[in-house]
Amino acid sequence: MDISAKEDWSDVYVQPTPAAYFKIISEKEYGVPDYALQYLRPLLKKLQTELQRPVNIIDIGASYGIMSTLLRHDLTLEQLIDFFLKNEQTPTGAEIEKFYMTQEICHTDYQFYLSDNSQQAMDFSERVQVCEKAYCFDMRHEALPVALKPIIEKTDLFIATGSLGYIGEYFFEQIFSIISNKHLSPLFGFVVYRAFYSSEIEKVFENYNYTLIKTNVPFKKGRRFANSSEQKKAIESLHQRNIDTVGFEDEGYYACEFYLGVPLLEEKRLYRWLSDLESLFT
């Protein structure tokens, strides 16, 4: 999986607040979070009903805790962007903390644990209390933090929204070595740009008797391409894999898809659930 053609947003991930992050995703018409919510909100409700206890979630490549914020507080991405960008002046630290702490809805039955390679993003997420704990490490190259391993042992759902291109198979090998030894069967919910799908990660899932169920119709507007060069390289990559880009990447946006990672024994049941859910979207 080659992500070298993708625009580098590194600078916006190392700021003390997500203000710069929200500015760039607003400019690029970033649609991944709202697309992901269509699947993750019903999935969390389903898990909570089945488990009859708080649901433990690890967000992989969580940035500033965007998904945990949206899911925990029933917010939309537009509401977050409006708060951070509605005025010319960036909100102060006190104003930001007040915004997060005074949300009317707070699903405390969703227990979020975040991972990312930005210490600033992890510090922010803990400060505004959109997670139980945040862990900063290089998920592509570094071993799992010792403190994260007991969390993995009790995790019900792993999510990654738009970040899978930065995470290699080594991370998932470590995850599966833990959950396989404990005979656990957590689920995985991923939103993946079609241009950066990882067959290597898919192979890791297969090796541990898991499969990735893909949605039937790609989402057209994951985010706008930064420039014609980024679009050209993405389309070339997709054409090399015999993927038709007409009506999708040709329109100027990264297209993406939702994947549900499930144990093979649960494939039929969860495929039906996912299909029934998608039928409600049209």
Protein backbone atom coordinates (compact mmCIF):
# COMPACT_ATOMS: atom_id res chain seq x y z
CA MET A 1 0.00 0.00 0.00
CA ASP A 2 1.69 3.20 -1.24
CA ILE A 3 0.40 6.40 0.38
CA SER A 4 3.26 8.60 -0.83
CA ALA A 5 0.95 10.39 -3.28
CA LYS A 6 -1.41 11.47 -0.51
CA GLU A 7 -1.23 15.10 0.63
CA ASP A 8 0.77 15.45 3.84
CA TRP A 9 -1.27 16.86 6.73
CA SER A 10 1.41 16.27 9.37
CA ASP A 11 1.52 19.88 10.52
CA VAL A 12 -2.13 20.02 11.53
CA TYR A 13 -1.82 16.94 13.75
CA VAL A 14 0.81 18.44 16.05
CA GLN A 15 -1.06 21.53 17.23
CA PRO A 16 -2.32 21.92 20.82
CA THR A 17 -5.94 22.06 19.62
CA PRO A 18 -7.71 20.68 16.51
CA ALA A 19 -8.50 24.15 15.11
CA ALA A 20 -6.01 23.79 12.21
CA TYR A 21 -7.27 20.26 11.58
CA PHE A 22 -10.87 21.44 11.27
CA LYS A 23 -9.82 24.25 8.92
CA ILE A 24 -8.16 21.88 6.46
CA ILE A 25 -10.89 19.22 6.53
CA SER A 26 -13.47 21.94 5.94
CA GLU A 27 -11.53 23.14 2.91
CA LYS A 28 -11.18 19.60 1.58
CA GLU A 29 -14.87 18.73 2.20
CA TYR A 30 -13.89 15.77 4.37
CA GLY A 31 -16.88 13.41 4.49
CA VAL A 32 -15.39 10.32 6.16
CA PRO A 33 -16.59 10.92 9.76
CA ASP A 34 -20.24 11.49 8.86
CA TYR A 35 -20.13 8.49 6.52
CA ALA A 36 -18.62 6.35 9.28
CA LEU A 37 -21.30 7.42 11.75
CA GLN A 38 -24.00 5.80 9.59
CA TYR A 39 -22.43 2.44 10.43
CA LEU A 40 -20.81 2.98 13.81
CA ARG A 41 -23.78 4.44 15.65
CA PRO A 42 -26.05 1.44 14.88
CA LEU A 43 -23.15 -0.94 15.49
CA LEU A 44 -22.48 0.45 18.96
CA LYS A 45 -26.17 0.26 19.84
CA LYS A 46 -26.24 -3.34 18.63
CA LEU A 47 -23.20 -4.27 20.72
CA GLN A 48 -24.56 -2.56 23.80
CA THR A 49 -27.85 -4.41 23.49
CA GLU A 50 -26.10 -7.76 23.07
CA LEU A 51 -23.48 -7.25 25.78
CA GLN A 52 -25.67 -5.49 28.35
CA ARG A 53 -22.65 -3.56 29.64
CA PRO A 54 -20.46 -0.65 28.54
CA VAL A 55 -18.86 -1.17 25.12
CA ASN A 56 -15.07 -0.92 24.96
CA ILE A 57 -13.75 0.72 21.78
CA ILE A 58 -10.21 1.36 20.56
CA ASP A 59 -9.92 4.08 17.91
CA ILE A 60 -6.83 3.43 15.80
CA GLY A 61 -5.27 6.62 14.44
CA ALA A 62 -7.76 8.70 16.39
CA SER A 63 -6.28 12.14 15.74
CA TYR A 64 -7.93 14.57 18.19
CA GLY A 65 -10.59 12.08 19.24
CA ILE A 66 -12.96 13.17 16.49
CA MET A 67 -14.95 9.93 16.26
CA SER A 68 -15.14 9.42 20.00
CA THR A 69 -16.40 13.00 20.35
CA LEU A 70 -19.10 12.51 17.72
CA LEU A 71 -20.19 9.14 19.08
CA ARG A 72 -20.03 10.00 22.76
CA HIS A 73 -21.88 13.32 22.44
CA ASP A 74 -24.17 12.62 19.45
CA LEU A 75 -22.63 15.51 17.53
CA THR A 76 -22.13 16.00 13.80
CA LEU A 77 -18.83 16.96 12.21
CA GLU A 78 -20.42 20.21 11.07
CA GLN A 79 -21.16 21.15 14.69
CA LEU A 80 -17.52 20.65 15.65
CA ILE A 81 -16.28 22.62 12.66
CA ASP A 82 -18.72 25.44 13.41
CA PHE A 83 -17.50 25.71 16.99
CA PHE A 84 -13.82 25.91 16.06
CA LEU A 85 -14.16 28.05 12.93
CA LYS A 86 -17.29 30.19 13.32
CA ASN A 87 -15.26 33.16 14.54
CA GLU A 88 -12.06 34.58 13.05
CA GLN A 89 -10.35 34.10 16.40
CA THR A 90 -9.56 30.54 17.51
CA PRO A 91 -11.39 29.56 20.72
CA THR A 92 -9.31 29.76 23.87
CA GLY A 93 -8.38 26.66 25.85
CA ALA A 94 -11.01 27.51 28.47
CA GLU A 95 -13.70 27.97 25.80
CA ILE A 96 -12.80 24.66 24.20
CA GLU A 97 -12.92 22.76 27.47
CA LYS A 98 -16.25 24.35 28.36
CA PHE A 99 -17.69 23.32 24.97
CA TYR A 100 -16.74 19.68 25.51
CA MET A 101 -17.64 19.50 29.18
CA THR A 102 -21.09 21.05 28.83
CA GLN A 103 -22.49 18.83 26.08
CA GLU A 104 -25.99 17.69 27.02
CA ILE A 105 -25.48 14.14 25.77
CA CYS A 106 -22.65 11.97 27.03
CA HIS A 107 -22.74 8.23 26.36
CA THR A 108 -20.67 7.04 29.29
CA ASP A 109 -21.59 3.48 28.31
CA TYR A 110 -19.14 3.88 25.41
CA GLN A 111 -15.62 3.50 26.78
CA PHE A 112 -13.11 4.90 24.28
CA TYR A 113 -9.38 4.25 24.20
CA LEU A 114 -7.42 6.16 21.58
CA SER A 115 -4.15 5.55 19.76
CA ASP A 116 -2.23 7.90 17.50
CA ASN A 117 1.35 8.97 16.80
CA SER A 118 0.65 12.61 17.75
CA GLN A 119 1.28 13.33 21.41
CA GLN A 120 -0.48 16.70 21.07
CA ALA A 121 -3.62 15.06 19.72
CA MET A 122 -3.60 12.44 22.46
CA ASP A 123 -3.05 15.05 25.18
CA PHE A 124 -5.96 17.10 23.85
CA SER A 125 -8.27 14.08 23.76
CA GLU A 126 -7.56 13.28 27.39
CA ARG A 127 -7.89 16.90 28.44
CA VAL A 128 -11.40 17.26 27.01
CA GLN A 129 -12.35 13.80 28.29
CA VAL A 130 -13.47 12.17 25.04
CA CYS A 131 -11.68 8.97 26.04
CA GLU A 132 -10.74 6.94 29.08
CA LYS A 133 -7.08 6.91 28.04
CA ALA A 134 -4.95 7.85 25.01
CA TYR A 135 -1.78 6.10 23.85
CA CYS A 136 0.84 7.72 21.65
CA PHE A 137 3.11 5.49 19.57
CA ASP A 138 4.08 4.73 15.97
CA MET A 139 1.59 2.03 15.07
CA ARG A 140 3.39 1.08 11.89
CA HIS A 141 6.76 0.34 13.50
CA GLU A 142 6.56 0.28 17.31
CA ALA A 143 5.44 -2.48 19.62
CA LEU A 144 2.19 -1.99 21.51
CA PRO A 145 2.61 -0.07 24.76
CA VAL A 146 2.50 -2.47 27.68
CA ALA A 147 -0.33 -0.48 29.26
CA LEU A 148 -2.48 -0.90 26.15
CA LYS A 149 -2.40 -4.69 26.13
CA PRO A 150 -4.93 -5.20 28.98
CA ILE A 151 -7.25 -2.79 27.18
CA ILE A 152 -7.01 -4.85 23.98
CA GLU A 153 -7.94 -7.95 25.97
CA LYS A 154 -11.31 -6.42 26.84
CA THR A 155 -12.02 -4.49 23.63
CA ASP A 156 -15.29 -5.15 21.82
CA LEU A 157 -14.74 -2.97 18.76
CA PHE A 158 -11.71 -1.53 16.96
CA ILE A 159 -12.37 1.39 14.63
CA ALA A 160 -10.26 3.26 12.08
CA THR A 161 -11.76 6.00 9.92
CA GLY A 162 -9.55 7.14 7.08
CA SER A 163 -6.36 6.26 8.95
CA LEU A 164 -5.74 2.68 7.84
CA GLY A 165 -3.26 3.78 5.18
CA TYR A 166 -0.84 4.82 7.93
CA ILE A 167 -1.11 1.57 9.87
CA GLY A 168 0.75 -1.52 8.73
CA GLU A 169 0.09 -5.19 9.22
CA TYR A 170 2.56 -5.31 12.15
CA PHE A 171 0.02 -3.51 14.35
CA PHE A 172 -2.72 -6.01 13.54
CA GLU A 173 -0.41 -8.98 14.00
CA GLN A 174 0.12 -7.77 17.56
CA ILE A 175 -3.61 -7.25 18.10
CA PHE A 176 -4.50 -10.73 16.89
CA SER A 177 -1.76 -12.39 18.90
CA ILE A 178 -3.49 -11.03 22.02
CA ILE A 179 -7.13 -11.67 21.16
CA SER A 180 -6.42 -15.12 19.72
CA ASN A 181 -4.68 -16.25 22.89
CA LYS A 182 -7.62 -15.03 24.93
CA HIS A 183 -10.21 -16.57 22.54
CA LEU A 184 -11.83 -13.16 22.10
CA SER A 185 -13.88 -12.18 19.06
CA PRO A 186 -14.05 -8.39 18.85
CA LEU A 187 -15.32 -6.63 15.73
CA PHE A 188 -13.52 -4.12 13.53
CA GLY A 189 -15.10 -1.16 11.75
CA PHE A 190 -12.98 0.58 9.10
CA VAL A 191 -13.58 3.36 6.59
CA VAL A 192 -10.91 2.97 3.91
CA TYR A 193 -10.07 5.07 0.87
CA ARG A 194 -10.30 2.79 -2.16
CA ALA A 195 -6.94 4.08 -3.37
CA PHE A 196 -5.20 2.91 -0.20
CA TYR A 197 -6.78 -0.45 0.52
CA SER A 198 -4.29 -2.83 2.13
CA SER A 199 -4.27 -6.40 0.89
CA GLU A 200 -1.49 -7.04 3.44
CA ILE A 201 -3.80 -6.17 6.33
CA GLU A 202 -6.57 -8.25 4.77
CA LYS A 203 -4.18 -11.20 4.72
CA VAL A 204 -3.51 -10.82 8.46
CA PHE A 205 -7.25 -11.02 9.10
CA GLU A 206 -7.52 -14.16 6.99
CA ASN A 207 -4.63 -15.78 8.85
CA TYR A 208 -6.57 -15.41 12.10
CA ASN A 209 -9.92 -16.70 10.77
CA TYR A 210 -11.44 -13.27 10.29
CA THR A 211 -12.92 -11.76 7.16
CA LEU A 212 -13.61 -8.21 6.02
CA ILE A 213 -17.18 -7.61 4.83
CA LYS A 214 -17.36 -4.68 2.42
CA THR A 215 -20.32 -2.39 1.85
CA ASN A 216 -22.10 -2.70 -1.47
CA VAL A 217 -21.72 0.87 -2.76
CA PRO A 218 -18.65 3.09 -2.23
CA PHE A 219 -19.09 6.57 -0.74
CA LYS A 220 -18.18 9.09 -3.45
CA LYS A 221 -16.94 12.03 -1.39
CA GLY A 222 -14.41 10.89 1.19
CA ARG A 223 -12.54 14.12 0.63
CA ARG A 224 -11.64 16.41 -2.25
CA PHE A 225 -8.28 15.79 -3.90
CA ALA A 226 -5.67 18.40 -2.98
CA ASN A 227 -4.64 18.85 -6.61
CA SER A 228 -4.68 17.19 -10.03
CA SER A 229 -1.45 15.31 -9.30
CA GLU A 230 -2.94 13.63 -6.22
CA GLN A 231 -6.03 12.70 -8.21
CA LYS A 232 -4.00 11.35 -11.14
CA LYS A 233 -1.87 9.11 -8.91
CA ALA A 234 -4.91 7.79 -7.03
CA ILE A 235 -6.71 6.95 -10.27
CA GLU A 236 -3.62 5.28 -11.73
CA SER A 237 -3.31 3.13 -8.61
CA LEU A 238 -6.94 2.07 -8.83
CA HIS A 239 -6.75 1.30 -12.54
CA GLN A 240 -3.75 -0.95 -11.88
CA ARG A 241 -6.09 -2.98 -9.65
CA ASN A 242 -8.81 -2.95 -12.35
CA ILE A 243 -11.10 -0.72 -10.29
CA ASP A 244 -13.42 1.54 -12.29
CA THR A 245 -13.18 5.18 -11.20
CA VAL A 246 -15.96 6.57 -13.41
CA GLY A 247 -18.43 8.43 -11.22
CA PHE A 248 -16.12 8.12 -8.23
CA GLU A 249 -12.49 9.31 -8.12
CA ASP A 250 -12.96 10.84 -11.58
CA GLU A 251 -15.30 13.33 -9.92
CA GLY A 252 -12.49 14.87 -7.87
CA TYR A 253 -12.83 13.11 -4.53
CA TYR A 254 -11.30 10.10 -2.83
CA ALA A 255 -14.02 7.45 -2.70
CA CYS A 256 -14.12 5.24 0.37
CA GLU A 257 -15.81 2.12 1.68
CA PHE A 258 -16.86 0.75 5.04
CA TYR A 259 -15.49 -2.65 6.10
CA LEU A 260 -16.75 -4.74 8.96
CA GLY A 261 -14.10 -7.15 10.26
CA VAL A 262 -15.72 -10.25 11.75
CA PRO A 263 -14.83 -13.82 12.78
CA LEU A 264 -15.56 -16.29 9.99
CA LEU A 265 -18.14 -18.03 12.16
CA GLU A 266 -20.09 -14.75 12.39
CA GLU A 267 -19.83 -13.80 8.73
CA LYS A 268 -23.32 -14.77 7.55
CA ARG A 269 -25.12 -13.25 10.52
CA LEU A 270 -23.24 -9.95 10.37
CA TYR A 271 -23.39 -9.75 6.59
CA ARG A 272 -27.19 -9.85 6.87
CA TRP A 273 -27.10 -7.17 9.57
CA LEU A 274 -24.89 -4.91 7.43
CA SER A 275 -27.05 -5.43 4.35
CA ASP A 276 -30.22 -4.64 6.30
CA LEU A 277 -28.59 -1.51 7.68
CA GLU A 278 -27.53 -0.30 4.25
CA SER A 279 -31.03 -0.85 2.89
CA LEU A 280 -32.16 1.93 5.25
CA PHE A 281 -29.80 4.45 3.61
CA THR A 282 -31.73 4.61 0.33
